[in-house]
Amino acid sequence: MSVLKGQKTLVTGAGGGIGASCARALAEAGADVAVADINGTAANSVAAECEKFGGSSIAIEADCGDLEAIDSMVTKAVTKMGRLDVIVNNAGVTRHAHIMDLDESDWDRMFRVNAKGVFFCMQRAAKTMISQGGGRIINIASVAGRGYYGTSNCAYAGTKGAVLAMTFVAAHQLGPNNINVNAICPGVTYTAIVEGLLSARSAEKGVTVEELKEEVDKSIPIRRGNYPEDIAAMAVFLAGPGARNITGQGFNVDGGLINS
């Protein structure tokens, strides 16, 4: 499948989990991929996997909570690939915590990457896309941003609500520049981060991780959680020709977990 052949793409937080799956799926669809992650070793590993699909790939070590790093990341990607057609803003952080156990450092850490980082990655990517006549921005939000009560923590939900709001407004403001802006809202997705959260919750509840997974899956109408590849498939669609007139939307990929 080469629906994205010739497209130049950048994925943040792509050293593992959803980001790595998005990078690999974009590469498999024919795109060249810049793999960005705060962990340079992980970024290099995923970039090497992407090249196996026949396109080119570059690994970029970048802290997506730092404005200078964001500017350098996009500049490196454009210098290497010649342009930027698609950015997937996936980088994010969280931790399992009750509302009363969160402190200012938790708030600042999550909003620094999940909200500020997404905004400035959008802005910097849009600067390049405006100059070249258009592009696609895909933000990874979460059903937490729609108020899903089972999320990792309250502040994290706030960051993802911010991502959704910014997506909708940015779509209107960047639409005249032929830039589509959409968000993907994953439900329960079994990544290393979520496995860690499940481990913490299982210890609290006095059950095994597998028992907790069964309990979680039963709460989902389709009776299964996501794997990163499920989110990546939506990212490929939103990057492709079939989504040319889709913008300002937030798509739940959650097995029917929520209905908003």
C-alpha atoms as a PDB file:
ATOM      1  CA  MET A   1       0.000   0.000   0.000  1.00  0.00           C
ATOM      2  CA  SER A   2       1.550   3.317  -1.103  1.00  0.00           C
ATOM      3  CA  VAL A   3      -1.246   5.829  -0.509  1.00  0.00           C
ATOM      4  CA  LEU A   4       1.282   8.206   1.067  1.00  0.00           C
ATOM      5  CA  LYS A   5       4.118   7.733  -1.411  1.00  0.00           C
ATOM      6  CA  GLY A   6       6.235  10.870  -1.582  1.00  0.00           C
ATOM      7  CA  GLN A   7       4.709  12.393   1.544  1.00  0.00           C
ATOM      8  CA  LYS A   8       7.123  13.839   4.092  1.00  0.00           C
ATOM      9  CA  THR A   9       6.000  13.164   7.635  1.00  0.00           C
ATOM     10  CA  LEU A  10       7.100  13.869  11.200  1.00  0.00           C
ATOM     11  CA  VAL A  11       5.961  11.971  14.295  1.00  0.00           C
ATOM     12  CA  THR A  12       6.740  13.184  17.797  1.00  0.00           C
ATOM     13  CA  GLY A  13       7.076  10.867  20.769  1.00  0.00           C
ATOM     14  CA  ALA A  14       7.816   8.162  18.221  1.00  0.00           C
ATOM     15  CA  GLY A  15      10.327   6.149  20.199  1.00  0.00           C
ATOM     16  CA  GLY A  16       7.677   3.701  21.362  1.00  0.00           C
ATOM     17  CA  GLY A  17       3.973   3.014  21.814  1.00  0.00           C
ATOM     18  CA  ILE A  18       1.469   4.876  19.654  1.00  0.00           C
ATOM     19  CA  GLY A  19       4.107   7.155  18.138  1.00  0.00           C
ATOM     20  CA  ALA A  20       6.301   4.284  16.979  1.00  0.00           C
ATOM     21  CA  SER A  21       3.296   2.514  15.468  1.00  0.00           C
ATOM     22  CA  CYS A  22       2.272   5.696  13.652  1.00  0.00           C
ATOM     23  CA  ALA A  23       5.790   6.119  12.261  1.00  0.00           C
ATOM     24  CA  ARG A  24       5.925   2.526  11.031  1.00  0.00           C
ATOM     25  CA  ALA A  25       2.409   2.694   9.540  1.00  0.00           C
ATOM     26  CA  LEU A  26       3.187   5.926   7.689  1.00  0.00           C
ATOM     27  CA  ALA A  27       6.375   4.370   6.337  1.00  0.00           C
ATOM     28  CA  GLU A  28       4.521   1.234   5.269  1.00  0.00           C
ATOM     29  CA  ALA A  29       2.035   3.474   3.430  1.00  0.00           C
ATOM     30  CA  GLY A  30       4.929   4.925   1.428  1.00  0.00           C
ATOM     31  CA  ALA A  31       5.842   8.063   3.364  1.00  0.00           C
ATOM     32  CA  ASP A  32       9.275   9.283   4.363  1.00  0.00           C
ATOM     33  CA  VAL A  33       9.318   9.667   8.142  1.00  0.00           C
ATOM     34  CA  ALA A  34      11.160  11.845  10.635  1.00  0.00           C
ATOM     35  CA  VAL A  35      11.061   9.977  13.956  1.00  0.00           C
ATOM     36  CA  ALA A  36      11.345  12.368  16.904  1.00  0.00           C
ATOM     37  CA  ASP A  37      11.642  11.382  20.546  1.00  0.00           C
ATOM     38  CA  ILE A  38      13.277  12.636  23.726  1.00  0.00           C
ATOM     39  CA  ASN A  39      15.086   9.278  23.752  1.00  0.00           C
ATOM     40  CA  GLY A  40      17.494   9.452  20.825  1.00  0.00           C
ATOM     41  CA  THR A  41      18.379   5.766  20.985  1.00  0.00           C
ATOM     42  CA  ALA A  42      14.726   4.766  20.737  1.00  0.00           C
ATOM     43  CA  ALA A  43      14.203   7.209  17.844  1.00  0.00           C
ATOM     44  CA  ASN A  44      17.134   5.672  15.951  1.00  0.00           C
ATOM     45  CA  SER A  45      15.731   2.181  16.439  1.00  0.00           C
ATOM     46  CA  VAL A  46      12.277   3.105  15.105  1.00  0.00           C
ATOM     47  CA  ALA A  47      13.784   5.059  12.194  1.00  0.00           C
ATOM     48  CA  ALA A  48      15.740   1.959  11.189  1.00  0.00           C
ATOM     49  CA  GLU A  49      12.500  -0.071  11.248  1.00  0.00           C
ATOM     50  CA  CYS A  50      10.794   2.536   9.052  1.00  0.00           C
ATOM     51  CA  GLU A  51      13.508   2.331   6.410  1.00  0.00           C
ATOM     52  CA  LYS A  52      12.747  -1.372   5.935  1.00  0.00           C
ATOM     53  CA  PHE A  53       9.590  -0.309   4.084  1.00  0.00           C
ATOM     54  CA  GLY A  54      11.672   1.300   1.344  1.00  0.00           C
ATOM     55  CA  GLY A  55      11.446   5.003   2.129  1.00  0.00           C
ATOM     56  CA  SER A  56      13.890   7.249   3.908  1.00  0.00           C
ATOM     57  CA  SER A  57      13.825   8.036   7.597  1.00  0.00           C
ATOM     58  CA  ILE A  58      15.618  10.321  10.015  1.00  0.00           C
ATOM     59  CA  ALA A  59      15.859  10.115  13.789  1.00  0.00           C
ATOM     60  CA  ILE A  60      15.684  13.354  15.769  1.00  0.00           C
ATOM     61  CA  GLU A  61      16.260  13.667  19.498  1.00  0.00           C
ATOM     62  CA  ALA A  62      13.843  16.335  20.719  1.00  0.00           C
ATOM     63  CA  ASP A  63      12.154  17.502  23.899  1.00  0.00           C
ATOM     64  CA  CYS A  64       8.681  18.558  22.765  1.00  0.00           C
ATOM     65  CA  GLY A  65       8.208  20.734  25.822  1.00  0.00           C
ATOM     66  CA  ASP A  66      11.050  23.034  24.754  1.00  0.00           C
ATOM     67  CA  LEU A  67      10.417  25.682  22.082  1.00  0.00           C
ATOM     68  CA  GLU A  68      13.993  25.787  20.791  1.00  0.00           C
ATOM     69  CA  ALA A  69      13.993  22.006  20.506  1.00  0.00           C
ATOM     70  CA  ILE A  70      10.689  22.101  18.608  1.00  0.00           C
ATOM     71  CA  ASP A  71      12.031  24.636  16.136  1.00  0.00           C
ATOM     72  CA  SER A  72      15.228  22.633  15.673  1.00  0.00           C
ATOM     73  CA  MET A  73      13.235  19.406  15.221  1.00  0.00           C
ATOM     74  CA  VAL A  74      11.065  20.801  12.417  1.00  0.00           C
ATOM     75  CA  THR A  75      14.044  22.525  10.784  1.00  0.00           C
ATOM     76  CA  LYS A  76      16.006  19.248  10.759  1.00  0.00           C
ATOM     77  CA  ALA A  77      13.046  17.332   9.331  1.00  0.00           C
ATOM     78  CA  VAL A  78      12.472  19.868   6.549  1.00  0.00           C
ATOM     79  CA  THR A  79      16.189  20.124   5.761  1.00  0.00           C
ATOM     80  CA  LYS A  80      16.425  16.349   5.429  1.00  0.00           C
ATOM     81  CA  MET A  81      13.131  15.730   3.595  1.00  0.00           C
ATOM     82  CA  GLY A  82      12.700  18.990   1.664  1.00  0.00           C
ATOM     83  CA  ARG A  83       9.210  19.778   2.976  1.00  0.00           C
ATOM     84  CA  LEU A  84       6.701  18.748   5.646  1.00  0.00           C
ATOM     85  CA  ASP A  85       3.357  17.352   4.549  1.00  0.00           C
ATOM     86  CA  VAL A  86       2.170  15.708   7.767  1.00  0.00           C
ATOM     87  CA  ILE A  87       2.935  16.052  11.459  1.00  0.00           C
ATOM     88  CA  VAL A  88       1.576  13.665  14.078  1.00  0.00           C
ATOM     89  CA  ASN A  89       1.767  15.372  17.465  1.00  0.00           C
ATOM     90  CA  ASN A  90       1.928  12.369  19.751  1.00  0.00           C
ATOM     91  CA  ALA A  91       4.476  13.224  22.464  1.00  0.00           C
ATOM     92  CA  GLY A  92       2.862  13.172  25.882  1.00  0.00           C
ATOM     93  CA  VAL A  93       3.358  12.278  29.541  1.00  0.00           C
ATOM     94  CA  THR A  94       1.134  11.189  32.425  1.00  0.00           C
ATOM     95  CA  ARG A  95       1.058   9.189  35.653  1.00  0.00           C
ATOM     96  CA  HIS A  96      -1.583   7.314  37.626  1.00  0.00           C
ATOM     97  CA  ALA A  97      -2.796   9.522  40.462  1.00  0.00           C
ATOM     98  CA  HIS A  98      -5.899  10.550  42.373  1.00  0.00           C
ATOM     99  CA  ILE A  99      -6.823  14.222  42.090  1.00  0.00           C
ATOM    100  CA  MET A 100      -5.744  14.813  45.699  1.00  0.00           C
ATOM    101  CA  ASP A 101      -2.293  13.347  45.079  1.00  0.00           C
ATOM    102  CA  LEU A 102      -1.322  15.642  42.203  1.00  0.00           C
ATOM    103  CA  ASP A 103       0.938  18.606  42.845  1.00  0.00           C
ATOM    104  CA  GLU A 104       2.182  21.608  40.903  1.00  0.00           C
ATOM    105  CA  SER A 105       5.144  19.719  39.469  1.00  0.00           C
ATOM    106  CA  ASP A 106       2.781  17.089  38.021  1.00  0.00           C
ATOM    107  CA  TRP A 107       0.596  19.802  36.515  1.00  0.00           C
ATOM    108  CA  ASP A 108       3.565  21.673  35.024  1.00  0.00           C
ATOM    109  CA  ARG A 109       5.154  18.499  33.621  1.00  0.00           C
ATOM    110  CA  MET A 110       1.987  17.370  31.865  1.00  0.00           C
ATOM    111  CA  PHE A 111       0.906  20.744  30.519  1.00  0.00           C
ATOM    112  CA  ARG A 112       4.466  21.507  29.367  1.00  0.00           C
ATOM    113  CA  VAL A 113       4.479  18.581  26.940  1.00  0.00           C
ATOM    114  CA  ASN A 114       0.845  17.634  26.372  1.00  0.00           C
ATOM    115  CA  ALA A 115      -0.584  21.130  25.840  1.00  0.00           C
ATOM    116  CA  LYS A 116       2.207  23.663  25.335  1.00  0.00           C
ATOM    117  CA  GLY A 117       4.218  21.202  23.294  1.00  0.00           C
ATOM    118  CA  VAL A 118       1.317  20.324  21.004  1.00  0.00           C
ATOM    119  CA  PHE A 119       0.474  23.989  20.460  1.00  0.00           C
ATOM    120  CA  PHE A 120       3.987  25.015  19.492  1.00  0.00           C
ATOM    121  CA  CYS A 121       4.531  21.897  17.361  1.00  0.00           C
ATOM    122  CA  MET A 122       1.336  22.821  15.500  1.00  0.00           C
ATOM    123  CA  GLN A 123       2.433  26.435  15.131  1.00  0.00           C
ATOM    124  CA  ARG A 124       5.937  25.590  13.917  1.00  0.00           C
ATOM    125  CA  ALA A 125       4.688  22.935  11.489  1.00  0.00           C
ATOM    126  CA  ALA A 126       2.014  25.310  10.186  1.00  0.00           C
ATOM    127  CA  LYS A 127       4.666  27.929   9.463  1.00  0.00           C
ATOM    128  CA  THR A 128       6.321  25.512   7.047  1.00  0.00           C
ATOM    129  CA  MET A 129       3.033  24.208   5.644  1.00  0.00           C
ATOM    130  CA  ILE A 130       1.739  27.722   4.911  1.00  0.00           C
ATOM    131  CA  SER A 131       4.874  28.506   2.919  1.00  0.00           C
ATOM    132  CA  GLN A 132       4.533  25.341   0.835  1.00  0.00           C
ATOM    133  CA  GLY A 133       0.779  25.543   0.194  1.00  0.00           C
ATOM    134  CA  GLY A 134      -0.761  23.163   2.724  1.00  0.00           C
ATOM    135  CA  GLY A 135      -0.403  20.092   4.911  1.00  0.00           C
ATOM    136  CA  ARG A 136      -1.964  17.873   7.548  1.00  0.00           C
ATOM    137  CA  ILE A 137      -1.746  18.222  11.321  1.00  0.00           C
ATOM    138  CA  ILE A 138      -2.844  15.225  13.397  1.00  0.00           C
ATOM    139  CA  ASN A 139      -2.953  15.648  17.161  1.00  0.00           C
ATOM    140  CA  ILE A 140      -3.120  12.660  19.481  1.00  0.00           C
ATOM    141  CA  ALA A 141      -5.621  13.635  22.164  1.00  0.00           C
ATOM    142  CA  SER A 142      -7.531  11.103  24.306  1.00  0.00           C
ATOM    143  CA  VAL A 143     -11.004  10.160  25.429  1.00  0.00           C
ATOM    144  CA  ALA A 144      -9.741  11.649  28.702  1.00  0.00           C
ATOM    145  CA  GLY A 145     -10.161  15.019  27.031  1.00  0.00           C
ATOM    146  CA  ARG A 146     -13.859  14.231  26.632  1.00  0.00           C
ATOM    147  CA  GLY A 147     -14.221  13.459  30.329  1.00  0.00           C
ATOM    148  CA  TYR A 148     -13.625   9.703  30.465  1.00  0.00           C
ATOM    149  CA  TYR A 149     -13.555   9.011  34.208  1.00  0.00           C
ATOM    150  CA  GLY A 150     -11.177   6.045  33.982  1.00  0.00           C
ATOM    151  CA  THR A 151      -8.240   8.090  32.773  1.00  0.00           C
ATOM    152  CA  SER A 152      -4.846   8.244  34.491  1.00  0.00           C
ATOM    153  CA  ASN A 153      -5.491  11.511  36.315  1.00  0.00           C
ATOM    154  CA  CYS A 154      -7.548  14.699  36.313  1.00  0.00           C
ATOM    155  CA  ALA A 155      -4.779  17.053  35.172  1.00  0.00           C
ATOM    156  CA  TYR A 156      -3.949  14.762  32.237  1.00  0.00           C
ATOM    157  CA  ALA A 157      -7.605  14.945  31.191  1.00  0.00           C
ATOM    158  CA  GLY A 158      -7.256  18.734  31.224  1.00  0.00           C
ATOM    159  CA  THR A 159      -4.264  18.611  28.894  1.00  0.00           C
ATOM    160  CA  LYS A 160      -6.125  16.434  26.407  1.00  0.00           C
ATOM    161  CA  GLY A 161      -9.213  18.641  26.573  1.00  0.00           C
ATOM    162  CA  ALA A 162      -6.878  21.483  25.661  1.00  0.00           C
ATOM    163  CA  VAL A 163      -5.586  19.499  22.676  1.00  0.00           C
ATOM    164  CA  LEU A 164      -9.140  19.021  21.407  1.00  0.00           C
ATOM    165  CA  ALA A 165     -10.037  22.694  21.792  1.00  0.00           C
ATOM    166  CA  MET A 166      -6.828  23.799  20.069  1.00  0.00           C
ATOM    167  CA  THR A 167      -7.474  21.338  17.256  1.00  0.00           C
ATOM    168  CA  PHE A 168     -10.907  22.788  16.515  1.00  0.00           C
ATOM    169  CA  VAL A 169      -9.778  26.431  16.593  1.00  0.00           C
ATOM    170  CA  ALA A 170      -6.587  25.757  14.626  1.00  0.00           C
ATOM    171  CA  ALA A 171      -8.597  23.983  11.915  1.00  0.00           C
ATOM    172  CA  HIS A 172     -10.664  27.127  11.371  1.00  0.00           C
ATOM    173  CA  GLN A 173      -7.693  29.467  11.395  1.00  0.00           C
ATOM    174  CA  LEU A 174      -5.460  27.312   9.180  1.00  0.00           C
ATOM    175  CA  GLY A 175      -8.142  26.052   6.795  1.00  0.00           C
ATOM    176  CA  PRO A 176      -7.675  28.982   4.381  1.00  0.00           C
ATOM    177  CA  ASN A 177      -4.046  27.870   4.064  1.00  0.00           C
ATOM    178  CA  ASN A 178      -5.101  24.376   2.941  1.00  0.00           C
ATOM    179  CA  ILE A 179      -4.038  22.836   6.246  1.00  0.00           C
ATOM    180  CA  ASN A 180      -6.238  20.123   7.751  1.00  0.00           C
ATOM    181  CA  VAL A 181      -6.136  19.825  11.544  1.00  0.00           C
ATOM    182  CA  ASN A 182      -7.690  16.823  13.261  1.00  0.00           C
ATOM    183  CA  ALA A 183      -7.346  14.902  16.508  1.00  0.00           C
ATOM    184  CA  ILE A 184      -7.443  11.235  17.392  1.00  0.00           C
ATOM    185  CA  CYS A 185      -8.856  10.300  20.798  1.00  0.00           C
ATOM    186  CA  PRO A 186      -7.600   6.872  21.826  1.00  0.00           C
ATOM    187  CA  GLY A 187      -9.485   4.942  24.451  1.00  0.00           C
ATOM    188  CA  VAL A 188      -7.740   2.293  26.513  1.00  0.00           C
ATOM    189  CA  THR A 189      -4.605   1.496  24.520  1.00  0.00           C
ATOM    190  CA  TYR A 190      -2.136  -1.130  25.649  1.00  0.00           C
ATOM    191  CA  THR A 191       1.224   0.617  25.477  1.00  0.00           C
ATOM    192  CA  ALA A 192       4.174   0.419  27.881  1.00  0.00           C
ATOM    193  CA  ILE A 193       2.863   3.512  29.672  1.00  0.00           C
ATOM    194  CA  VAL A 194      -0.596   2.009  30.111  1.00  0.00           C
ATOM    195  CA  GLU A 195       0.886  -1.300  31.231  1.00  0.00           C
ATOM    196  CA  GLY A 196       2.667   0.664  33.958  1.00  0.00           C
ATOM    197  CA  LEU A 197      -0.576   2.377  34.949  1.00  0.00           C
ATOM    198  CA  LEU A 198      -2.353  -0.984  35.058  1.00  0.00           C
ATOM    199  CA  SER A 199       0.408  -2.393  37.222  1.00  0.00           C
ATOM    200  CA  ALA A 200      -0.052   0.453  39.712  1.00  0.00           C
ATOM    201  CA  ARG A 201      -3.825   0.022  39.727  1.00  0.00           C
ATOM    202  CA  SER A 202      -3.654  -3.750  40.085  1.00  0.00           C
ATOM    203  CA  ALA A 203      -1.472  -3.363  43.174  1.00  0.00           C
ATOM    204  CA  GLU A 204      -3.994  -0.921  44.658  1.00  0.00           C
ATOM    205  CA  LYS A 205      -6.901  -3.283  43.982  1.00  0.00           C
ATOM    206  CA  GLY A 206      -5.102  -6.467  44.986  1.00  0.00           C
ATOM    207  CA  VAL A 207      -5.613  -8.217  41.647  1.00  0.00           C
ATOM    208  CA  THR A 208      -3.275  -9.331  38.871  1.00  0.00           C
ATOM    209  CA  VAL A 209      -2.646  -7.180  35.804  1.00  0.00           C
ATOM    210  CA  GLU A 210      -4.338  -9.802  33.621  1.00  0.00           C
ATOM    211  CA  GLU A 211      -7.423  -9.780  35.850  1.00  0.00           C
ATOM    212  CA  LEU A 212      -7.524  -6.010  35.676  1.00  0.00           C
ATOM    213  CA  LYS A 213      -7.207  -6.112  31.878  1.00  0.00           C
ATOM    214  CA  GLU A 214     -10.156  -8.488  31.695  1.00  0.00           C
ATOM    215  CA  GLU A 215     -12.159  -6.107  33.854  1.00  0.00           C
ATOM    216  CA  VAL A 216     -11.207  -3.143  31.645  1.00  0.00           C
ATOM    217  CA  ASP A 217     -12.004  -4.990  28.418  1.00  0.00           C
ATOM    218  CA  LYS A 218     -15.442  -5.962  29.736  1.00  0.00           C
ATOM    219  CA  SER A 219     -16.245  -2.269  30.206  1.00  0.00           C
ATOM    220  CA  ILE A 220     -15.683  -1.645  26.486  1.00  0.00           C
ATOM    221  CA  PRO A 221     -18.663  -2.413  24.209  1.00  0.00           C
ATOM    222  CA  ILE A 222     -16.530  -4.246  21.667  1.00  0.00           C
ATOM    223  CA  ARG A 223     -14.861  -6.096  24.559  1.00  0.00           C
ATOM    224  CA  ARG A 224     -11.270  -5.257  23.720  1.00  0.00           C
ATOM    225  CA  GLY A 225      -8.878  -2.392  24.249  1.00  0.00           C
ATOM    226  CA  ASN A 226      -6.781  -0.787  21.542  1.00  0.00           C
ATOM    227  CA  TYR A 227      -3.285  -1.637  20.515  1.00  0.00           C
ATOM    228  CA  PRO A 228      -1.069   1.117  19.074  1.00  0.00           C
ATOM    229  CA  GLU A 229      -1.693  -0.157  15.541  1.00  0.00           C
ATOM    230  CA  ASP A 230      -5.375   0.776  15.873  1.00  0.00           C
ATOM    231  CA  ILE A 231      -4.453   4.418  16.410  1.00  0.00           C
ATOM    232  CA  ALA A 232      -1.846   4.313  13.659  1.00  0.00           C
ATOM    233  CA  ALA A 233      -4.450   3.148  11.143  1.00  0.00           C
ATOM    234  CA  MET A 234      -6.523   6.261  11.818  1.00  0.00           C
ATOM    235  CA  ALA A 235      -3.428   8.457  11.504  1.00  0.00           C
ATOM    236  CA  VAL A 236      -2.671   6.982   8.071  1.00  0.00           C
ATOM    237  CA  PHE A 237      -6.241   7.638   6.969  1.00  0.00           C
ATOM    238  CA  LEU A 238      -6.163  11.255   8.159  1.00  0.00           C
ATOM    239  CA  ALA A 239      -2.847  11.768   6.375  1.00  0.00           C
ATOM    240  CA  GLY A 240      -4.170  10.298   3.134  1.00  0.00           C
ATOM    241  CA  PRO A 241      -6.209  11.469   0.144  1.00  0.00           C
ATOM    242  CA  GLY A 242      -9.487  10.135   1.530  1.00  0.00           C
ATOM    243  CA  ALA A 243      -9.402  12.723   4.325  1.00  0.00           C
ATOM    244  CA  ARG A 244      -8.787  15.798   2.175  1.00  0.00           C
ATOM    245  CA  ASN A 245     -12.060  17.447   3.244  1.00  0.00           C
ATOM    246  CA  ILE A 246     -11.976  16.364   6.877  1.00  0.00           C
ATOM    247  CA  THR A 247     -10.810  18.995   9.341  1.00  0.00           C
ATOM    248  CA  GLY A 248     -11.620  20.277  12.812  1.00  0.00           C
ATOM    249  CA  GLN A 249     -12.662  16.825  14.028  1.00  0.00           C
ATOM    250  CA  GLY A 250     -11.811  14.600  16.978  1.00  0.00           C
ATOM    251  CA  PHE A 251     -12.120  10.882  16.233  1.00  0.00           C
ATOM    252  CA  ASN A 252     -12.640   8.415  19.066  1.00  0.00           C
ATOM    253  CA  VAL A 253     -10.820   5.115  18.583  1.00  0.00           C
ATOM    254  CA  ASP A 254     -12.077   3.436  21.717  1.00  0.00           C
ATOM    255  CA  GLY A 255     -14.245   0.414  20.939  1.00  0.00           C
ATOM    256  CA  GLY A 256     -17.375   2.370  21.825  1.00  0.00           C
ATOM    257  CA  LEU A 257     -16.159   3.296  25.320  1.00  0.00           C
ATOM    258  CA  ILE A 258     -17.718   6.768  25.251  1.00  0.00           C
ATOM    259  CA  ASN A 259     -20.371   8.341  23.015  1.00  0.00           C
ATOM    260  CA  SER A 260     -19.277  11.973  22.770  1.00  0.00           C
END
